[in-house]
Amino acid sequence: MSRLRRSPPRNPCKRRNEPFSVFPFSFRLFPFPCRPFPLKPPPFHWWRTVFYLIPAVTLYTIVLGTASLLSTVFDRGGNFGHRCARAWAWLILKTTGVRVRVFGLEHVDPSCSYVVAANHQSIYDIPIVFTSLPLQLRIVAKDSLGRIPFLGWHLQRTGHLLVDRTNPGAGILKRMAQLVHGARSLIVFPEGTRSADGRVGRFKGGIFLLAIDSALPVLPVSIARSRFVMMKGRLMVCPAEVTLTVHEPITTTGIAREQARELAERVRDVVRSGLVQGDEDVVGNKDEPQRT
């Protein structure tokens, strides 16, 4: 019986006559057969974000953060610091190419304090709100942000609420009462996280409980299409047109603490009324915006 001849084992390191694919369309890491993959360069806006926008925003933060910190020597209320924050927000939007159309400013009284409750789609929502509303705004942020150079120092020194979420304590209610005394407003995003698809998530009731205890009216705000500026989980910023709609304030006077959940749902419904399903456009206001 003749024996079958076995071919010697193949050496994967041995060079073969198989050509490499040509860069930049595709290439192979190894000379032995494998599935090639395309080498596509990142899109233009990625390069623009990494090498232009991030350095620019860093510069704005250092310069205006320093000016804000120096101002707290003679302005402990943070009013000049808020002007620095608005200038910072305006510069970011202009540099990025974000145009904001604002509706409903007739519902805002700059001499009053509000809890401004908005839907949350993008990290650009804060610059959008700061630039659009004629209010002395403060934010509720994690206490860990206070350790970030310049930005965190600004938050600590200009009256923003840095809260330990694991143990917020009763001190936040006292600080919210100080906001009322200084005619300042608090901006909150009751969803607690950014929406990836533009849909408005469930509003958490805790902040509305604080609004009831502080007797602060709630100012609902709808932000449309800001998610297209910077998609969640993606390091790339693109120019876009965003719409911000201010709704009529909702008073909390006479509302019991047990009704905080109902108040949260009511505010959510109002915010959703400023958006269409999927946040593809803004609901029906065809008038010219009051500010761009």
Protein backbone atom coordinates (compact mmCIF):
# COMPACT_ATOMS: atom_id res chain seq x y z
CA MET A 1 0.00 0.00 0.00
CA SER A 2 1.40 3.29 -1.03
CA ARG A 3 1.65 5.92 1.59
CA LEU A 4 0.03 9.26 1.07
CA ARG A 5 2.54 12.07 0.94
CA ARG A 6 1.87 14.81 3.39
CA SER A 7 2.73 18.29 2.47
CA PRO A 8 5.01 20.03 4.94
CA PRO A 9 3.32 22.47 7.33
CA ARG A 10 3.02 25.99 6.04
CA ASN A 11 5.23 28.63 7.54
CA PRO A 12 3.14 31.77 8.08
CA CYS A 13 6.27 33.90 8.28
CA LYS A 14 7.56 32.85 4.88
CA ARG A 15 7.24 35.47 2.17
CA ARG A 16 4.89 34.58 -0.65
CA ASN A 17 4.21 36.03 -4.00
CA GLU A 18 0.96 37.61 -2.82
CA PRO A 19 1.13 41.35 -3.32
CA PHE A 20 0.30 43.86 -0.61
CA SER A 21 -2.70 46.04 -1.30
CA VAL A 22 -1.89 49.61 -2.11
CA PHE A 23 -2.12 52.33 0.58
CA PRO A 24 -4.36 54.25 1.26
CA PHE A 25 -7.22 52.22 -0.13
CA SER A 26 -6.43 49.05 1.82
CA PHE A 27 -3.46 47.21 3.21
CA ARG A 28 -2.48 44.01 4.96
CA LEU A 29 -0.59 43.83 8.18
CA PHE A 30 0.93 40.47 7.36
CA PRO A 31 2.25 38.90 4.13
CA PHE A 32 0.14 35.79 4.56
CA PRO A 33 -3.47 35.78 3.38
CA CYS A 34 -5.81 37.74 5.62
CA ARG A 35 -8.82 39.91 5.13
CA PRO A 36 -7.76 43.43 4.20
CA PHE A 37 -9.50 46.37 5.82
CA PRO A 38 -9.90 49.89 4.51
CA LEU A 39 -7.76 52.64 5.95
CA LYS A 40 -10.05 55.64 5.86
CA PRO A 41 -8.80 58.95 7.21
CA PRO A 42 -10.98 60.60 9.90
CA PRO A 43 -13.51 63.10 8.58
CA PHE A 44 -12.67 66.79 8.36
CA HIS A 45 -14.63 67.76 11.47
CA TRP A 46 -12.62 65.29 13.59
CA TRP A 47 -9.38 67.03 12.61
CA ARG A 48 -11.07 70.40 13.19
CA THR A 49 -12.22 69.32 16.65
CA VAL A 50 -8.91 67.87 17.83
CA PHE A 51 -6.48 70.42 16.40
CA TYR A 52 -8.57 73.61 16.43
CA LEU A 53 -11.65 73.52 18.67
CA ILE A 54 -10.17 71.75 21.69
CA PRO A 55 -7.12 74.08 21.87
CA ALA A 56 -9.39 77.11 21.32
CA VAL A 57 -11.84 76.10 24.07
CA THR A 58 -8.92 75.38 26.41
CA LEU A 59 -7.57 78.88 25.78
CA TYR A 60 -11.00 80.46 26.38
CA THR A 61 -11.34 78.49 29.63
CA ILE A 62 -7.94 79.55 30.96
CA VAL A 63 -8.26 83.24 30.07
CA LEU A 64 -11.89 83.78 31.13
CA GLY A 65 -11.56 81.41 34.09
CA THR A 66 -8.65 83.48 35.37
CA ALA A 67 -10.63 86.72 34.87
CA SER A 68 -13.57 85.19 36.74
CA LEU A 69 -11.38 84.09 39.64
CA LEU A 70 -9.77 87.53 39.95
CA SER A 71 -13.18 89.18 39.94
CA THR A 72 -14.29 87.22 43.03
CA VAL A 73 -11.91 89.34 45.12
CA PHE A 74 -14.36 92.26 44.86
CA ASP A 75 -17.50 90.47 43.58
CA ARG A 76 -18.37 87.55 45.84
CA GLY A 77 -21.83 87.25 44.28
CA GLY A 78 -20.35 86.05 41.01
CA ASN A 79 -22.13 88.56 38.76
CA PHE A 80 -18.97 89.45 36.84
CA GLY A 81 -18.06 85.77 36.82
CA HIS A 82 -21.37 85.08 35.09
CA ARG A 83 -20.47 87.63 32.40
CA CYS A 84 -17.23 85.72 31.89
CA ALA A 85 -19.23 82.50 31.62
CA ARG A 86 -21.52 84.03 29.00
CA ALA A 87 -18.54 85.30 27.02
CA TRP A 88 -16.98 81.82 27.26
CA ALA A 89 -20.21 80.23 26.00
CA TRP A 90 -20.59 82.76 23.16
CA LEU A 91 -17.01 82.18 22.00
CA ILE A 92 -17.48 78.40 22.01
CA LEU A 93 -20.65 78.60 19.91
CA LYS A 94 -19.12 81.06 17.45
CA THR A 95 -15.93 79.05 17.09
CA THR A 96 -17.88 75.83 16.58
CA GLY A 97 -20.35 77.37 14.12
CA VAL A 98 -23.49 76.80 16.19
CA ARG A 99 -26.37 79.17 15.45
CA VAL A 100 -29.12 79.39 18.08
CA ARG A 101 -32.68 80.50 17.29
CA VAL A 102 -34.54 81.56 20.44
CA PHE A 103 -38.30 81.73 20.93
CA GLY A 104 -40.40 82.73 23.95
CA LEU A 105 -38.17 85.26 25.69
CA GLU A 106 -41.29 87.24 26.58
CA HIS A 107 -41.87 84.62 29.30
CA VAL A 108 -38.62 85.55 31.09
CA ASP A 109 -38.41 88.26 33.76
CA PRO A 110 -34.70 88.99 34.41
CA SER A 111 -35.49 90.29 37.88
CA CYS A 112 -36.99 86.96 38.99
CA SER A 113 -35.38 83.69 40.03
CA TYR A 114 -36.32 80.41 38.34
CA VAL A 115 -35.48 76.76 38.26
CA VAL A 116 -34.78 76.44 34.54
CA ALA A 117 -35.63 72.84 33.55
CA ALA A 118 -34.44 71.76 30.09
CA ASN A 119 -34.07 68.55 28.14
CA HIS A 120 -30.49 67.37 27.67
CA GLN A 121 -29.01 66.25 24.34
CA SER A 122 -25.43 67.51 24.24
CA ILE A 123 -22.60 68.93 26.33
CA TYR A 124 -23.23 72.06 24.28
CA ASP A 125 -26.59 72.57 26.05
CA ILE A 126 -24.97 74.62 28.83
CA PRO A 127 -23.29 77.14 26.47
CA ILE A 128 -26.55 77.32 24.50
CA VAL A 129 -28.63 78.13 27.58
CA PHE A 130 -26.07 80.57 29.04
CA THR A 131 -25.91 82.49 25.78
CA SER A 132 -29.67 82.54 25.14
CA LEU A 133 -31.30 83.42 28.47
CA PRO A 134 -30.99 86.93 30.03
CA LEU A 135 -30.68 85.50 33.54
CA GLN A 136 -27.97 85.19 36.18
CA LEU A 137 -27.62 81.42 35.84
CA ARG A 138 -26.02 78.90 38.18
CA ILE A 139 -25.75 75.15 37.66
CA VAL A 140 -25.99 72.07 39.85
CA ALA A 141 -22.88 69.97 39.25
CA LYS A 142 -21.03 67.04 40.77
CA ASP A 143 -18.59 68.11 43.46
CA SER A 144 -15.79 66.35 41.54
CA LEU A 145 -16.01 69.11 38.88
CA GLY A 146 -14.77 71.55 41.47
CA ARG A 147 -11.32 69.95 41.27
CA ILE A 148 -10.88 70.73 37.55
CA PRO A 149 -8.43 73.64 37.07
CA PHE A 150 -10.00 76.98 36.08
CA LEU A 151 -13.46 75.52 35.31
CA GLY A 152 -13.91 73.96 38.74
CA TRP A 153 -12.37 76.94 40.48
CA HIS A 154 -14.83 79.20 38.66
CA LEU A 155 -17.77 77.02 39.77
CA GLN A 156 -16.62 77.08 43.39
CA ARG A 157 -16.03 80.83 43.58
CA THR A 158 -19.07 82.15 41.70
CA GLY A 159 -21.96 80.54 43.53
CA HIS A 160 -22.66 77.37 41.59
CA LEU A 161 -24.04 74.36 43.49
CA LEU A 162 -21.49 71.56 43.73
CA VAL A 163 -23.24 68.58 45.26
CA ASP A 164 -22.08 65.21 46.52
CA ARG A 165 -24.72 63.05 44.84
CA THR A 166 -24.27 60.25 47.35
CA ASN A 167 -25.06 62.62 50.24
CA PRO A 168 -26.47 65.95 49.05
CA GLY A 169 -27.67 66.92 52.53
CA ALA A 170 -29.90 69.79 53.58
CA GLY A 171 -27.30 72.45 52.79
CA ILE A 172 -28.41 72.61 49.16
CA LEU A 173 -31.82 73.99 50.23
CA LYS A 174 -30.13 76.83 52.09
CA ARG A 175 -27.98 77.64 49.08
CA MET A 176 -31.02 77.63 46.81
CA ALA A 177 -32.64 80.18 49.15
CA GLN A 178 -29.55 82.35 48.63
CA LEU A 179 -30.16 82.19 44.88
CA VAL A 180 -33.60 83.70 45.36
CA HIS A 181 -32.17 86.52 47.46
CA GLY A 182 -29.64 87.36 44.75
CA ALA A 183 -32.13 87.14 41.83
CA ARG A 184 -30.24 84.20 40.39
CA SER A 185 -31.66 81.20 38.58
CA LEU A 186 -30.70 77.56 38.62
CA ILE A 187 -30.32 75.56 35.39
CA VAL A 188 -31.04 71.83 35.72
CA PHE A 189 -31.37 68.88 33.35
CA PRO A 190 -33.90 66.64 35.13
CA GLU A 191 -33.23 63.64 32.85
CA GLY A 192 -29.88 63.25 34.60
CA THR A 193 -28.08 62.20 31.40
CA ARG A 194 -27.86 63.13 27.74
CA SER A 195 -30.31 61.68 25.26
CA ALA A 196 -28.65 59.80 22.41
CA ASP A 197 -31.68 59.90 20.08
CA GLY A 198 -33.33 63.21 20.99
CA ARG A 199 -36.20 61.68 22.93
CA VAL A 200 -36.97 63.31 26.29
CA GLY A 201 -36.39 60.84 29.09
CA ARG A 202 -38.08 60.56 32.45
CA PHE A 203 -37.63 63.63 34.66
CA LYS A 204 -36.33 62.93 38.15
CA GLY A 205 -38.46 64.40 40.91
CA GLY A 206 -35.76 65.47 43.39
CA ILE A 207 -35.00 68.87 41.89
CA PHE A 208 -38.70 69.70 41.73
CA LEU A 209 -39.00 68.88 45.40
CA LEU A 210 -36.31 71.49 46.04
CA ALA A 211 -38.17 73.97 43.81
CA ILE A 212 -41.34 73.44 45.87
CA ASP A 213 -39.48 73.86 49.17
CA SER A 214 -37.80 77.05 47.87
CA ALA A 215 -41.05 78.39 46.31
CA LEU A 216 -39.21 78.94 43.02
CA PRO A 217 -41.20 78.90 39.75
CA VAL A 218 -40.09 76.35 37.15
CA LEU A 219 -39.20 77.69 33.71
CA PRO A 220 -39.50 74.87 31.10
CA VAL A 221 -37.07 75.11 28.17
CA SER A 222 -36.97 72.95 25.03
CA ILE A 223 -33.64 72.50 23.22
CA ALA A 224 -33.91 71.00 19.74
CA ARG A 225 -31.17 69.50 17.56
CA SER A 226 -28.21 70.21 19.83
CA ARG A 227 -27.31 66.51 19.68
CA PHE A 228 -26.18 67.04 16.08
CA VAL A 229 -23.46 69.41 17.29
CA MET A 230 -21.69 66.64 19.21
CA MET A 231 -23.20 63.18 19.26
CA LYS A 232 -23.02 61.31 22.55
CA GLY A 233 -19.91 59.13 22.72
CA ARG A 234 -18.22 60.74 19.69
CA LEU A 235 -15.21 63.06 19.69
CA MET A 236 -16.30 65.24 16.79
CA VAL A 237 -18.05 68.62 16.79
CA CYS A 238 -20.02 69.86 13.78
CA PRO A 239 -21.70 73.19 12.96
CA ALA A 240 -25.47 73.10 13.35
CA GLU A 241 -28.57 75.22 13.88
CA VAL A 242 -30.19 74.76 17.28
CA THR A 243 -33.57 75.99 18.49
CA LEU A 244 -34.30 76.97 22.09
CA THR A 245 -37.93 77.53 23.12
CA VAL A 246 -38.86 79.14 26.45
CA HIS A 247 -42.30 78.22 27.82
CA GLU A 248 -44.47 79.97 30.40
CA PRO A 249 -43.22 79.59 33.99
CA ILE A 250 -45.01 77.11 36.24
CA THR A 251 -45.52 78.37 39.77
CA THR A 252 -44.83 76.04 42.68
CA THR A 253 -46.81 78.06 45.21
CA GLY A 254 -49.49 75.90 46.82
CA ILE A 255 -48.04 72.63 45.50
CA ALA A 256 -47.47 70.01 48.22
CA ARG A 257 -44.21 68.10 48.46
CA GLU A 258 -46.11 64.90 47.70
CA GLN A 259 -46.95 66.34 44.28
CA ALA A 260 -43.33 66.71 43.17
CA ARG A 261 -43.64 63.67 40.91
CA GLU A 262 -46.73 65.15 39.24
CA LEU A 263 -44.92 68.47 38.79
CA ALA A 264 -41.99 66.67 37.13
CA GLU A 265 -44.33 64.97 34.65
CA ARG A 266 -46.13 68.24 33.95
CA VAL A 267 -42.85 70.05 33.19
CA ARG A 268 -41.69 67.14 31.01
CA ASP A 269 -44.89 67.33 28.95
CA VAL A 270 -44.36 71.05 28.40
CA VAL A 271 -40.74 70.53 27.35
CA ARG A 272 -41.77 67.75 24.94
CA SER A 273 -44.38 70.05 23.39
CA GLY A 274 -41.50 72.14 22.02
CA LEU A 275 -40.19 69.15 20.06
CA VAL A 276 -41.61 66.76 17.52
CA GLN A 277 -41.22 63.00 17.67
CA GLY A 278 -37.56 62.10 17.33
CA ASP A 279 -36.49 65.75 17.59
CA GLU A 280 -36.32 66.11 13.81
CA ASP A 281 -37.62 69.66 13.91
CA VAL A 282 -39.29 72.26 16.10
CA VAL A 283 -43.03 72.32 16.57
CA GLY A 284 -44.86 74.81 14.47
CA ASN A 285 -43.67 78.31 15.52
CA LYS A 286 -43.17 80.02 12.18
CA ASP A 287 -42.46 83.50 13.58
CA GLU A 288 -39.00 84.97 13.40
CA PRO A 289 -36.84 84.17 16.41
CA GLN A 290 -36.30 86.88 18.99
CA ARG A 291 -32.56 86.37 19.08
CA THR A 292 -29.92 84.47 17.17
